[in-house]
Amino acid sequence: MLKSISLWLAKQPSPHTRGCYRRDSERLLEHAKKPLASITLADLQSFAQTLGFNHGRWTPLVQLLSVWIAAVIAGLNVLLALSVQLRLIEPTG
């Protein structure tokens, strides 16, 4: 696991939150197919669009999922900001 992801997860007090954030970061990296340091806003937006999409259709609960999607993206934004702050990745333009 990447150092920045490990540090980010270590800051979370709840084991449940750590597990969710770990899975979210793994899904983002799998979706983007590039290292964390290369992920852009477009990658995050593309990833967010896939979260409520299942088998080519939007899930019926997409409105409820939108809160979850926002939480996932907010958490990943914190990960990226922490990684930049610790100089583990370079900020993108």
C-alpha atoms as a PDB file:
ATOM      1  CA  MET A   1       0.000   0.000   0.000  1.00  0.00           C
ATOM      2  CA  LEU A   2       1.242   3.487  -0.747  1.00  0.00           C
ATOM      3  CA  LYS A   3       2.799   5.458   2.094  1.00  0.00           C
ATOM      4  CA  SER A   4       0.340   8.341   1.699  1.00  0.00           C
ATOM      5  CA  ILE A   5      -2.649   5.981   1.824  1.00  0.00           C
ATOM      6  CA  SER A   6      -1.246   4.243   4.893  1.00  0.00           C
ATOM      7  CA  LEU A   7      -0.722   7.593   6.668  1.00  0.00           C
ATOM      8  CA  TRP A   8      -4.211   8.753   5.686  1.00  0.00           C
ATOM      9  CA  LEU A   9      -5.787   5.546   6.979  1.00  0.00           C
ATOM     10  CA  ALA A  10      -3.818   5.719  10.225  1.00  0.00           C
ATOM     11  CA  LYS A  11      -5.442   9.098  10.988  1.00  0.00           C
ATOM     12  CA  GLN A  12      -8.913   7.533  10.974  1.00  0.00           C
ATOM     13  CA  PRO A  13     -10.094   6.515  14.460  1.00  0.00           C
ATOM     14  CA  SER A  14     -12.693   3.981  13.320  1.00  0.00           C
ATOM     15  CA  PRO A  15     -11.716   0.566  11.913  1.00  0.00           C
ATOM     16  CA  HIS A  16     -14.881   0.706   9.805  1.00  0.00           C
ATOM     17  CA  THR A  17     -13.859   4.058   8.304  1.00  0.00           C
ATOM     18  CA  ARG A  18     -10.334   2.768   7.649  1.00  0.00           C
ATOM     19  CA  GLY A  19     -11.747  -0.240   5.804  1.00  0.00           C
ATOM     20  CA  CYS A  20     -14.112   1.879   3.713  1.00  0.00           C
ATOM     21  CA  TYR A  21     -11.418   4.416   2.845  1.00  0.00           C
ATOM     22  CA  ARG A  22      -8.940   1.648   1.960  1.00  0.00           C
ATOM     23  CA  ARG A  23     -11.456   0.066  -0.425  1.00  0.00           C
ATOM     24  CA  ASP A  24     -12.335   3.474  -1.909  1.00  0.00           C
ATOM     25  CA  SER A  25      -8.681   4.270  -2.586  1.00  0.00           C
ATOM     26  CA  GLU A  26      -8.099   0.829  -4.110  1.00  0.00           C
ATOM     27  CA  ARG A  27     -11.135   1.291  -6.393  1.00  0.00           C
ATOM     28  CA  LEU A  28      -9.915   4.732  -7.475  1.00  0.00           C
ATOM     29  CA  LEU A  29      -6.444   3.424  -8.326  1.00  0.00           C
ATOM     30  CA  GLU A  30      -7.935   0.465 -10.181  1.00  0.00           C
ATOM     31  CA  HIS A  31     -10.288   2.752 -12.118  1.00  0.00           C
ATOM     32  CA  ALA A  32      -7.634   5.330 -13.012  1.00  0.00           C
ATOM     33  CA  LYS A  33      -5.020   2.687 -13.875  1.00  0.00           C
ATOM     34  CA  LYS A  34      -2.260   5.077 -12.837  1.00  0.00           C
ATOM     35  CA  PRO A  35      -0.339   5.922  -9.683  1.00  0.00           C
ATOM     36  CA  LEU A  36      -1.822   8.240  -7.080  1.00  0.00           C
ATOM     37  CA  ALA A  37       0.642  10.978  -7.996  1.00  0.00           C
ATOM     38  CA  SER A  38      -0.763  11.067 -11.548  1.00  0.00           C
ATOM     39  CA  ILE A  39      -4.469  11.206 -10.678  1.00  0.00           C
ATOM     40  CA  THR A  40      -6.218  14.340 -11.909  1.00  0.00           C
ATOM     41  CA  LEU A  41      -9.540  16.017 -11.265  1.00  0.00           C
ATOM     42  CA  ALA A  42     -10.821  14.402 -14.474  1.00  0.00           C
ATOM     43  CA  ASP A  43      -9.897  10.981 -13.040  1.00  0.00           C
ATOM     44  CA  LEU A  44     -11.839  11.739  -9.837  1.00  0.00           C
ATOM     45  CA  GLN A  45     -14.842  12.923 -11.837  1.00  0.00           C
ATOM     46  CA  SER A  46     -14.761   9.848 -14.045  1.00  0.00           C
ATOM     47  CA  PHE A  47     -14.503   7.632 -10.965  1.00  0.00           C
ATOM     48  CA  ALA A  48     -17.419   9.430  -9.286  1.00  0.00           C
ATOM     49  CA  GLN A  49     -19.605   8.779 -12.318  1.00  0.00           C
ATOM     50  CA  THR A  50     -19.003   5.038 -12.042  1.00  0.00           C
ATOM     51  CA  LEU A  51     -20.049   4.838  -8.378  1.00  0.00           C
ATOM     52  CA  GLY A  52     -23.797   4.969  -9.027  1.00  0.00           C
ATOM     53  CA  PHE A  53     -23.614   2.959 -12.238  1.00  0.00           C
ATOM     54  CA  ASN A  54     -24.297  -0.775 -12.272  1.00  0.00           C
ATOM     55  CA  HIS A  55     -24.426  -3.025 -15.349  1.00  0.00           C
ATOM     56  CA  GLY A  56     -24.836  -0.088 -17.721  1.00  0.00           C
ATOM     57  CA  ARG A  57     -27.686   1.535 -15.774  1.00  0.00           C
ATOM     58  CA  TRP A  58     -27.947   4.046 -12.960  1.00  0.00           C
ATOM     59  CA  THR A  59     -29.065   2.319  -9.804  1.00  0.00           C
ATOM     60  CA  PRO A  60     -32.587   3.134  -8.577  1.00  0.00           C
ATOM     61  CA  LEU A  61     -31.066   4.463  -5.366  1.00  0.00           C
ATOM     62  CA  VAL A  62     -28.826   6.957  -7.135  1.00  0.00           C
ATOM     63  CA  GLN A  63     -30.221   9.888  -5.126  1.00  0.00           C
ATOM     64  CA  LEU A  64     -29.364   8.138  -1.867  1.00  0.00           C
ATOM     65  CA  LEU A  65     -26.064   7.076  -3.345  1.00  0.00           C
ATOM     66  CA  SER A  66     -25.210  10.675  -4.207  1.00  0.00           C
ATOM     67  CA  VAL A  67     -24.544  11.351  -0.509  1.00  0.00           C
ATOM     68  CA  TRP A  68     -22.271   8.301  -0.354  1.00  0.00           C
ATOM     69  CA  ILE A  69     -20.564   9.306  -3.620  1.00  0.00           C
ATOM     70  CA  ALA A  70     -19.907  12.788  -2.226  1.00  0.00           C
ATOM     71  CA  ALA A  71     -18.423  11.251   0.934  1.00  0.00           C
ATOM     72  CA  VAL A  72     -16.146   8.953  -1.106  1.00  0.00           C
ATOM     73  CA  ILE A  73     -14.896  11.836  -3.251  1.00  0.00           C
ATOM     74  CA  ALA A  74     -14.425  14.096  -0.211  1.00  0.00           C
ATOM     75  CA  GLY A  75     -12.355  11.419   1.498  1.00  0.00           C
ATOM     76  CA  LEU A  76     -10.211  10.880  -1.585  1.00  0.00           C
ATOM     77  CA  ASN A  77      -9.695  14.648  -1.877  1.00  0.00           C
ATOM     78  CA  VAL A  78      -8.364  14.630   1.690  1.00  0.00           C
ATOM     79  CA  LEU A  79      -6.005  11.791   0.740  1.00  0.00           C
ATOM     80  CA  LEU A  80      -4.676  13.730  -2.240  1.00  0.00           C
ATOM     81  CA  ALA A  81      -4.299  16.960  -0.221  1.00  0.00           C
ATOM     82  CA  LEU A  82      -2.427  15.100   2.518  1.00  0.00           C
ATOM     83  CA  SER A  83      -0.157  13.492  -0.063  1.00  0.00           C
ATOM     84  CA  VAL A  84       0.684  16.923  -1.519  1.00  0.00           C
ATOM     85  CA  GLN A  85       1.183  18.421   1.956  1.00  0.00           C
ATOM     86  CA  LEU A  86       3.627  15.637   2.867  1.00  0.00           C
ATOM     87  CA  ARG A  87       5.307  16.129  -0.509  1.00  0.00           C
ATOM     88  CA  LEU A  88       4.666  12.508  -1.428  1.00  0.00           C
ATOM     89  CA  ILE A  89       3.110  13.668  -4.696  1.00  0.00           C
ATOM     90  CA  GLU A  90       3.346  16.879  -6.705  1.00  0.00           C
ATOM     91  CA  PRO A  91       0.265  19.095  -7.087  1.00  0.00           C
ATOM     92  CA  THR A  92      -1.274  19.019 -10.547  1.00  0.00           C
ATOM     93  CA  GLY A  93      -2.044  22.158 -12.540  1.00  0.00           C
END
